[in-house]
Amino acid sequence: MTVAGIEFPGRCPDKCPGHDDEVGQGGMCHRCPVFNCEEVVDTDGKPFRLLEPNEYRKDWAEAWKRWFDGDLRGRPVLHS
């Protein structure tokens, strides 16, 4: 999947430490380009995304790409 012009996995990696986060807006997943831009199907069978891939912040996409290409340790450093 291409997000902000950068190629990412089509789904969340199995070894992502975000799987251990509590569910909620403070969790790691809520900032992740894969989580936010992946197309999913709602209960009515309609596809949707939280964000369109071209709407995701480029600087955050770059930080996540470095993290995904690394060893998935720690957390990506995202600036506000």
PDB file of N, CA and C in Angstrom:
ATOM      1  N   MET A   1       0.842  -1.158   0.000  1.00  0.00           N
ATOM      2  CA  MET A   1       0.000   0.000   0.000  1.00  0.00           C
ATOM      3  C   MET A   1       0.898   1.234   0.000  1.00  0.00           C
ATOM      4  N   THR A   2       0.536   2.225  -0.771  1.00  0.00           N
ATOM      5  CA  THR A   2       1.299   3.465  -0.858  1.00  0.00           C
ATOM      6  C   THR A   2       0.599   4.543  -0.041  1.00  0.00           C
ATOM      7  N   VAL A   3       1.314   5.100   0.929  1.00  0.00           N
ATOM      8  CA  VAL A   3       0.790   6.142   1.804  1.00  0.00           C
ATOM      9  C   VAL A   3       1.749   7.324   1.750  1.00  0.00           C
ATOM     10  N   ALA A   4       1.241   8.487   1.421  1.00  0.00           N
ATOM     11  CA  ALA A   4       2.059   9.705   1.314  1.00  0.00           C
ATOM     12  C   ALA A   4       3.254   9.473   0.387  1.00  0.00           C
ATOM     13  N   GLY A   5       3.034   8.673  -0.658  1.00  0.00           N
ATOM     14  CA  GLY A   5       4.075   8.403  -1.638  1.00  0.00           C
ATOM     15  C   GLY A   5       5.107   7.378  -1.203  1.00  0.00           C
ATOM     16  N   ILE A   6       4.883   6.699  -0.075  1.00  0.00           N
ATOM     17  CA  ILE A   6       5.831   5.727   0.475  1.00  0.00           C
ATOM     18  C   ILE A   6       5.154   4.362   0.547  1.00  0.00           C
ATOM     19  N   GLU A   7       5.893   3.316   0.188  1.00  0.00           N
ATOM     20  CA  GLU A   7       5.333   1.968   0.178  1.00  0.00           C
ATOM     21  C   GLU A   7       5.386   1.336   1.575  1.00  0.00           C
ATOM     22  N   PHE A   8       4.248   0.785   1.999  1.00  0.00           N
ATOM     23  CA  PHE A   8       4.112   0.128   3.299  1.00  0.00           C
ATOM     24  C   PHE A   8       3.536  -1.274   3.104  1.00  0.00           C
ATOM     25  N   PRO A   9       3.652  -2.129   4.140  1.00  0.00           N
ATOM     26  CA  PRO A   9       3.010  -3.442   4.053  1.00  0.00           C
ATOM     27  C   PRO A   9       1.505  -3.276   3.885  1.00  0.00           C
ATOM     28  N   GLY A  10       0.875  -4.228   3.268  1.00  0.00           N
ATOM     29  CA  GLY A  10      -0.568  -4.168   3.055  1.00  0.00           C
ATOM     30  C   GLY A  10      -1.371  -4.445   4.312  1.00  0.00           C
ATOM     31  N   ARG A  11      -0.700  -4.998   5.325  1.00  0.00           N
ATOM     32  CA  ARG A  11      -1.378  -5.260   6.594  1.00  0.00           C
ATOM     33  C   ARG A  11      -0.367  -5.143   7.729  1.00  0.00           C
ATOM     34  N   CYS A  12      -0.864  -5.102   8.926  1.00  0.00           N
ATOM     35  CA  CYS A  12      -0.009  -4.950  10.102  1.00  0.00           C
ATOM     36  C   CYS A  12       0.918  -6.153  10.243  1.00  0.00           C
ATOM     37  N   PRO A  13       2.218  -5.905  10.469  1.00  0.00           N
ATOM     38  CA  PRO A  13       3.148  -7.026  10.671  1.00  0.00           C
ATOM     39  C   PRO A  13       2.806  -7.813  11.940  1.00  0.00           C
ATOM     40  N   ASP A  14       2.935  -9.117  11.895  1.00  0.00           N
ATOM     41  CA  ASP A  14       2.617  -9.972  13.038  1.00  0.00           C
ATOM     42  C   ASP A  14       3.434  -9.613  14.278  1.00  0.00           C
ATOM     43  N   LYS A  15       4.683  -9.200  14.089  1.00  0.00           N
ATOM     44  CA  LYS A  15       5.535  -8.920  15.249  1.00  0.00           C
ATOM     45  C   LYS A  15       5.483  -7.463  15.717  1.00  0.00           C
ATOM     46  N   CYS A  16       4.521  -6.705  15.272  1.00  0.00           N
ATOM     47  CA  CYS A  16       4.392  -5.308  15.687  1.00  0.00           C
ATOM     48  C   CYS A  16       4.090  -5.235  17.183  1.00  0.00           C
ATOM     49  N   PRO A  17       4.858  -4.450  17.949  1.00  0.00           N
ATOM     50  CA  PRO A  17       4.596  -4.333  19.386  1.00  0.00           C
ATOM     51  C   PRO A  17       3.290  -3.605  19.696  1.00  0.00           C
ATOM     52  N   GLY A  18       2.704  -2.943  18.730  1.00  0.00           N
ATOM     53  CA  GLY A  18       1.427  -2.272  18.935  1.00  0.00           C
ATOM     54  C   GLY A  18       0.297  -3.229  19.272  1.00  0.00           C
ATOM     55  N   HIS A  19       0.465  -4.501  18.936  1.00  0.00           N
ATOM     56  CA  HIS A  19      -0.563  -5.495  19.257  1.00  0.00           C
ATOM     57  C   HIS A  19      -0.781  -5.592  20.770  1.00  0.00           C
ATOM     58  N   ASP A  20       0.221  -5.233  21.553  1.00  0.00           N
ATOM     59  CA  ASP A  20       0.130  -5.320  23.011  1.00  0.00           C
ATOM     60  C   ASP A  20      -0.454  -4.068  23.655  1.00  0.00           C
ATOM     61  N   ASP A  21      -0.667  -3.014  22.867  1.00  0.00           N
ATOM     62  CA  ASP A  21      -1.228  -1.769  23.398  1.00  0.00           C
ATOM     63  C   ASP A  21      -2.689  -1.951  23.790  1.00  0.00           C
ATOM     64  N   GLU A  22      -3.103  -1.147  24.752  1.00  0.00           N
ATOM     65  CA  GLU A  22      -4.525  -1.125  25.084  1.00  0.00           C
ATOM     66  C   GLU A  22      -5.284  -0.520  23.908  1.00  0.00           C
ATOM     67  N   VAL A  23      -6.495  -0.954  23.726  1.00  0.00           N
ATOM     68  CA  VAL A  23      -7.326  -0.388  22.676  1.00  0.00           C
ATOM     69  C   VAL A  23      -7.715   1.022  23.112  1.00  0.00           C
ATOM     70  N   GLY A  24      -7.619   1.955  22.220  1.00  0.00           N
ATOM     71  CA  GLY A  24      -7.974   3.330  22.536  1.00  0.00           C
ATOM     72  C   GLY A  24      -7.146   4.291  21.707  1.00  0.00           C
ATOM     73  N   GLN A  25      -7.504   5.548  21.760  1.00  0.00           N
ATOM     74  CA  GLN A  25      -6.844   6.532  20.920  1.00  0.00           C
ATOM     75  C   GLN A  25      -5.393   6.774  21.297  1.00  0.00           C
ATOM     76  N   GLY A  26      -4.970   6.399  22.476  1.00  0.00           N
ATOM     77  CA  GLY A  26      -3.579   6.580  22.878  1.00  0.00           C
ATOM     78  C   GLY A  26      -2.670   5.487  22.366  1.00  0.00           C
ATOM     79  N   GLY A  27      -3.232   4.446  21.789  1.00  0.00           N
ATOM     80  CA  GLY A  27      -2.442   3.321  21.325  1.00  0.00           C
ATOM     81  C   GLY A  27      -1.647   3.643  20.066  1.00  0.00           C
ATOM     82  N   MET A  28      -0.608   2.890  19.877  1.00  0.00           N
ATOM     83  CA  MET A  28       0.298   3.053  18.746  1.00  0.00           C
ATOM     84  C   MET A  28      -0.422   2.928  17.401  1.00  0.00           C
ATOM     85  N   CYS A  29      -1.375   2.039  17.319  1.00  0.00           N
ATOM     86  CA  CYS A  29      -2.062   1.781  16.051  1.00  0.00           C
ATOM     87  C   CYS A  29      -2.769   3.014  15.498  1.00  0.00           C
ATOM     88  N   HIS A  30      -3.233   3.867  16.376  1.00  0.00           N
ATOM     89  CA  HIS A  30      -4.016   5.023  15.930  1.00  0.00           C
ATOM     90  C   HIS A  30      -3.184   6.079  15.223  1.00  0.00           C
ATOM     91  N   ARG A  31      -1.878   5.894  15.184  1.00  0.00           N
ATOM     92  CA  ARG A  31      -0.998   6.798  14.439  1.00  0.00           C
ATOM     93  C   ARG A  31      -0.374   6.108  13.222  1.00  0.00           C
ATOM     94  N   CYS A  32      -0.553   4.819  13.138  1.00  0.00           N
ATOM     95  CA  CYS A  32       0.079   3.991  12.104  1.00  0.00           C
ATOM     96  C   CYS A  32      -0.564   4.202  10.731  1.00  0.00           C
ATOM     97  N   PRO A  33       0.266   4.356   9.690  1.00  0.00           N
ATOM     98  CA  PRO A  33      -0.288   4.526   8.346  1.00  0.00           C
ATOM     99  C   PRO A  33      -1.018   3.282   7.839  1.00  0.00           C
ATOM    100  N   VAL A  34      -0.585   2.102   8.254  1.00  0.00           N
ATOM    101  CA  VAL A  34      -1.267   0.881   7.813  1.00  0.00           C
ATOM    102  C   VAL A  34      -2.664   0.840   8.427  1.00  0.00           C
ATOM    103  N   PHE A  35      -2.758   1.066   9.726  1.00  0.00           N
ATOM    104  CA  PHE A  35      -4.058   1.061  10.410  1.00  0.00           C
ATOM    105  C   PHE A  35      -4.979   2.134   9.839  1.00  0.00           C
ATOM    106  N   ASN A  36      -4.462   3.327   9.654  1.00  0.00           N
ATOM    107  CA  ASN A  36      -5.295   4.455   9.227  1.00  0.00           C
ATOM    108  C   ASN A  36      -5.688   4.420   7.758  1.00  0.00           C
ATOM    109  N   CYS A  37      -4.862   3.846   6.910  1.00  0.00           N
ATOM    110  CA  CYS A  37      -5.113   3.914   5.467  1.00  0.00           C
ATOM    111  C   CYS A  37      -5.518   2.590   4.835  1.00  0.00           C
ATOM    112  N   GLU A  38      -5.494   1.522   5.612  1.00  0.00           N
ATOM    113  CA  GLU A  38      -5.919   0.226   5.097  1.00  0.00           C
ATOM    114  C   GLU A  38      -7.416   0.258   4.805  1.00  0.00           C
ATOM    115  N   GLU A  39      -7.797  -0.269   3.673  1.00  0.00           N
ATOM    116  CA  GLU A  39      -9.217  -0.339   3.345  1.00  0.00           C
ATOM    117  C   GLU A  39      -9.823  -1.545   4.049  1.00  0.00           C
ATOM    118  N   VAL A  40     -10.885  -1.298   4.794  1.00  0.00           N
ATOM    119  CA  VAL A  40     -11.607  -2.361   5.491  1.00  0.00           C
ATOM    120  C   VAL A  40     -13.077  -2.282   5.086  1.00  0.00           C
ATOM    121  N   VAL A  41     -13.831  -3.278   5.493  1.00  0.00           N
ATOM    122  CA  VAL A  41     -15.254  -3.336   5.131  1.00  0.00           C
ATOM    123  C   VAL A  41     -16.080  -3.150   6.401  1.00  0.00           C
ATOM    124  N   ASP A  42     -17.068  -2.261   6.330  1.00  0.00           N
ATOM    125  CA  ASP A  42     -17.923  -2.032   7.496  1.00  0.00           C
ATOM    126  C   ASP A  42     -18.982  -3.128   7.600  1.00  0.00           C
ATOM    127  N   THR A  43     -19.836  -3.030   8.598  1.00  0.00           N
ATOM    128  CA  THR A  43     -20.842  -4.075   8.831  1.00  0.00           C
ATOM    129  C   THR A  43     -21.886  -4.163   7.728  1.00  0.00           C
ATOM    130  N   ASP A  44     -21.996  -3.111   6.917  1.00  0.00           N
ATOM    131  CA  ASP A  44     -22.911  -3.132   5.775  1.00  0.00           C
ATOM    132  C   ASP A  44     -22.237  -3.634   4.506  1.00  0.00           C
ATOM    133  N   GLY A  45     -20.981  -4.022   4.612  1.00  0.00           N
ATOM    134  CA  GLY A  45     -20.253  -4.529   3.458  1.00  0.00           C
ATOM    135  C   GLY A  45     -19.636  -3.453   2.585  1.00  0.00           C
ATOM    136  N   LYS A  46     -19.645  -2.201   3.067  1.00  0.00           N
ATOM    137  CA  LYS A  46     -19.077  -1.103   2.285  1.00  0.00           C
ATOM    138  C   LYS A  46     -17.625  -0.862   2.699  1.00  0.00           C
ATOM    139  N   PRO A  47     -16.725  -0.719   1.715  1.00  0.00           N
ATOM    140  CA  PRO A  47     -15.328  -0.446   2.053  1.00  0.00           C
ATOM    141  C   PRO A  47     -15.135   1.003   2.520  1.00  0.00           C
ATOM    142  N   PHE A  48     -14.214   1.175   3.458  1.00  0.00           N
ATOM    143  CA  PHE A  48     -13.881   2.519   3.911  1.00  0.00           C
ATOM    144  C   PHE A  48     -12.470   2.525   4.507  1.00  0.00           C
ATOM    145  N   ARG A  49     -11.933   3.723   4.664  1.00  0.00           N
ATOM    146  CA  ARG A  49     -10.646   3.960   5.316  1.00  0.00           C
ATOM    147  C   ARG A  49     -10.840   5.083   6.322  1.00  0.00           C
ATOM    148  N   LEU A  50     -10.039   5.084   7.377  1.00  0.00           N
ATOM    149  CA  LEU A  50     -10.067   6.213   8.299  1.00  0.00           C
ATOM    150  C   LEU A  50      -9.481   7.446   7.637  1.00  0.00           C
ATOM    151  N   LEU A  51      -8.404   7.261   6.864  1.00  0.00           N
ATOM    152  CA  LEU A  51      -7.757   8.349   6.119  1.00  0.00           C
ATOM    153  C   LEU A  51      -7.420   7.862   4.724  1.00  0.00           C
ATOM    154  N   GLU A  52      -7.543   8.726   3.760  1.00  0.00           N
ATOM    155  CA  GLU A  52      -7.052   8.401   2.419  1.00  0.00           C
ATOM    156  C   GLU A  52      -5.524   8.466   2.466  1.00  0.00           C
ATOM    157  N   PRO A  53      -4.849   7.589   1.742  1.00  0.00           N
ATOM    158  CA  PRO A  53      -3.382   7.547   1.786  1.00  0.00           C
ATOM    159  C   PRO A  53      -2.701   8.881   1.471  1.00  0.00           C
ATOM    160  N   ASN A  54      -3.303   9.704   0.632  1.00  0.00           N
ATOM    161  CA  ASN A  54      -2.684  10.995   0.303  1.00  0.00           C
ATOM    162  C   ASN A  54      -2.947  12.053   1.385  1.00  0.00           C
ATOM    163  N   GLU A  55      -3.776  11.748   2.380  1.00  0.00           N
ATOM    164  CA  GLU A  55      -4.059  12.672   3.472  1.00  0.00           C
ATOM    165  C   GLU A  55      -3.142  12.456   4.678  1.00  0.00           C
ATOM    166  N   TYR A  56      -2.415  11.347   4.691  1.00  0.00           N
ATOM    167  CA  TYR A  56      -1.543  11.022   5.824  1.00  0.00           C
ATOM    168  C   TYR A  56      -0.301  11.911   5.793  1.00  0.00           C
ATOM    169  N   ARG A  57       0.151  12.347   6.952  1.00  0.00           N
ATOM    170  CA  ARG A  57       1.303  13.246   7.041  1.00  0.00           C
ATOM    171  C   ARG A  57       2.567  12.594   6.482  1.00  0.00           C
ATOM    172  N   LYS A  58       3.234  13.284   5.567  1.00  0.00           N
ATOM    173  CA  LYS A  58       4.458  12.775   4.930  1.00  0.00           C
ATOM    174  C   LYS A  58       5.565  12.544   5.963  1.00  0.00           C
ATOM    175  N   ASP A  59       5.771  13.484   6.901  1.00  0.00           N
ATOM    176  CA  ASP A  59       6.835  13.318   7.887  1.00  0.00           C
ATOM    177  C   ASP A  59       6.577  12.119   8.792  1.00  0.00           C
ATOM    178  N   TRP A  60       5.317  11.868   9.146  1.00  0.00           N
ATOM    179  CA  TRP A  60       5.015  10.687   9.934  1.00  0.00           C
ATOM    180  C   TRP A  60       5.203   9.420   9.107  1.00  0.00           C
ATOM    181  N   ALA A  61       4.806   9.447   7.849  1.00  0.00           N
ATOM    182  CA  ALA A  61       4.997   8.281   6.976  1.00  0.00           C
ATOM    183  C   ALA A  61       6.482   7.933   6.871  1.00  0.00           C
ATOM    184  N   GLU A  62       7.332   8.940   6.751  1.00  0.00           N
ATOM    185  CA  GLU A  62       8.779   8.698   6.679  1.00  0.00           C
ATOM    186  C   GLU A  62       9.298   8.060   7.964  1.00  0.00           C
ATOM    187  N   ALA A  63       8.821   8.542   9.126  1.00  0.00           N
ATOM    188  CA  ALA A  63       9.241   7.968  10.412  1.00  0.00           C
ATOM    189  C   ALA A  63       8.771   6.522  10.548  1.00  0.00           C
ATOM    190  N   TRP A  64       7.547   6.249  10.142  1.00  0.00           N
ATOM    191  CA  TRP A  64       7.038   4.876  10.207  1.00  0.00           C
ATOM    192  C   TRP A  64       7.799   3.964   9.250  1.00  0.00           C
ATOM    193  N   LYS A  65       8.136   4.464   8.069  1.00  0.00           N
ATOM    194  CA  LYS A  65       8.865   3.650   7.091  1.00  0.00           C
ATOM    195  C   LYS A  65      10.209   3.225   7.665  1.00  0.00           C
ATOM    196  N   ARG A  66      10.927   4.164   8.296  1.00  0.00           N
ATOM    197  CA  ARG A  66      12.206   3.813   8.933  1.00  0.00           C
ATOM    198  C   ARG A  66      11.991   2.739   9.991  1.00  0.00           C
ATOM    199  N   TRP A  67      10.926   2.879  10.758  1.00  0.00           N
ATOM    200  CA  TRP A  67      10.627   1.924  11.823  1.00  0.00           C
ATOM    201  C   TRP A  67      10.270   0.548  11.242  1.00  0.00           C
ATOM    202  N   PHE A  68       9.391   0.524  10.233  1.00  0.00           N
ATOM    203  CA  PHE A  68       9.024  -0.748   9.593  1.00  0.00           C
ATOM    204  C   PHE A  68      10.236  -1.419   8.951  1.00  0.00           C
ATOM    205  N   ASP A  69      11.107  -0.644   8.325  1.00  0.00           N
ATOM    206  CA  ASP A  69      12.289  -1.207   7.673  1.00  0.00           C
ATOM    207  C   ASP A  69      13.363  -1.617   8.666  1.00  0.00           C
ATOM    208  N   GLY A  70      13.255  -1.123   9.898  1.00  0.00           N
ATOM    209  CA  GLY A  70      14.189  -1.502  10.955  1.00  0.00           C
ATOM    210  C   GLY A  70      13.721  -2.788  11.608  1.00  0.00           C
ATOM    211  N   ASP A  71      13.853  -2.847  12.901  1.00  0.00           N
ATOM    212  CA  ASP A  71      13.519  -4.089  13.607  1.00  0.00           C
ATOM    213  C   ASP A  71      12.229  -4.000  14.424  1.00  0.00           C
ATOM    214  N   LEU A  72      11.430  -2.980  14.215  1.00  0.00           N
ATOM    215  CA  LEU A  72      10.149  -2.793  14.898  1.00  0.00           C
ATOM    216  C   LEU A  72      10.303  -2.696  16.415  1.00  0.00           C
ATOM    217  N   ARG A  73      11.444  -2.201  16.871  1.00  0.00           N
ATOM    218  CA  ARG A  73      11.647  -2.020  18.318  1.00  0.00           C
ATOM    219  C   ARG A  73      11.266  -0.622  18.736  1.00  0.00           C
ATOM    220  N   GLY A  74      10.827  -0.504  19.963  1.00  0.00           N
ATOM    221  CA  GLY A  74      10.462   0.806  20.473  1.00  0.00           C
ATOM    222  C   GLY A  74       9.246   1.362  19.767  1.00  0.00           C
ATOM    223  N   ARG A  75       9.255   2.643  19.583  1.00  0.00           N
ATOM    224  CA  ARG A  75       8.146   3.338  18.909  1.00  0.00           C
ATOM    225  C   ARG A  75       8.709   4.276  17.874  1.00  0.00           C
ATOM    226  N   PRO A  76       8.014   4.502  16.770  1.00  0.00           N
ATOM    227  CA  PRO A  76       8.452   5.515  15.827  1.00  0.00           C
ATOM    228  C   PRO A  76       8.430   6.888  16.495  1.00  0.00           C
ATOM    229  N   VAL A  77       9.371   7.738  16.145  1.00  0.00           N
ATOM    230  CA  VAL A  77       9.403   9.086  16.704  1.00  0.00           C
ATOM    231  C   VAL A  77       8.600   9.994  15.781  1.00  0.00           C
ATOM    232  N   LEU A  78       7.464  10.472  16.298  1.00  0.00           N
ATOM    233  CA  LEU A  78       6.561  11.328  15.527  1.00  0.00           C
ATOM    234  C   LEU A  78       6.506  12.685  16.190  1.00  0.00           C
ATOM    235  N   HIS A  79       6.667  13.727  15.406  1.00  0.00           N
ATOM    236  CA  HIS A  79       6.624  15.089  15.928  1.00  0.00           C
ATOM    237  C   HIS A  79       5.272  15.716  15.625  1.00  0.00           C
ATOM    238  N   SER A  80       4.788  16.523  16.542  1.00  0.00           N
ATOM    239  CA  SER A  80       3.472  17.153  16.336  1.00  0.00           C
ATOM    240  C   SER A  80       3.553  18.323  15.400  1.00  0.00           C
TER     241      SER A  80
END
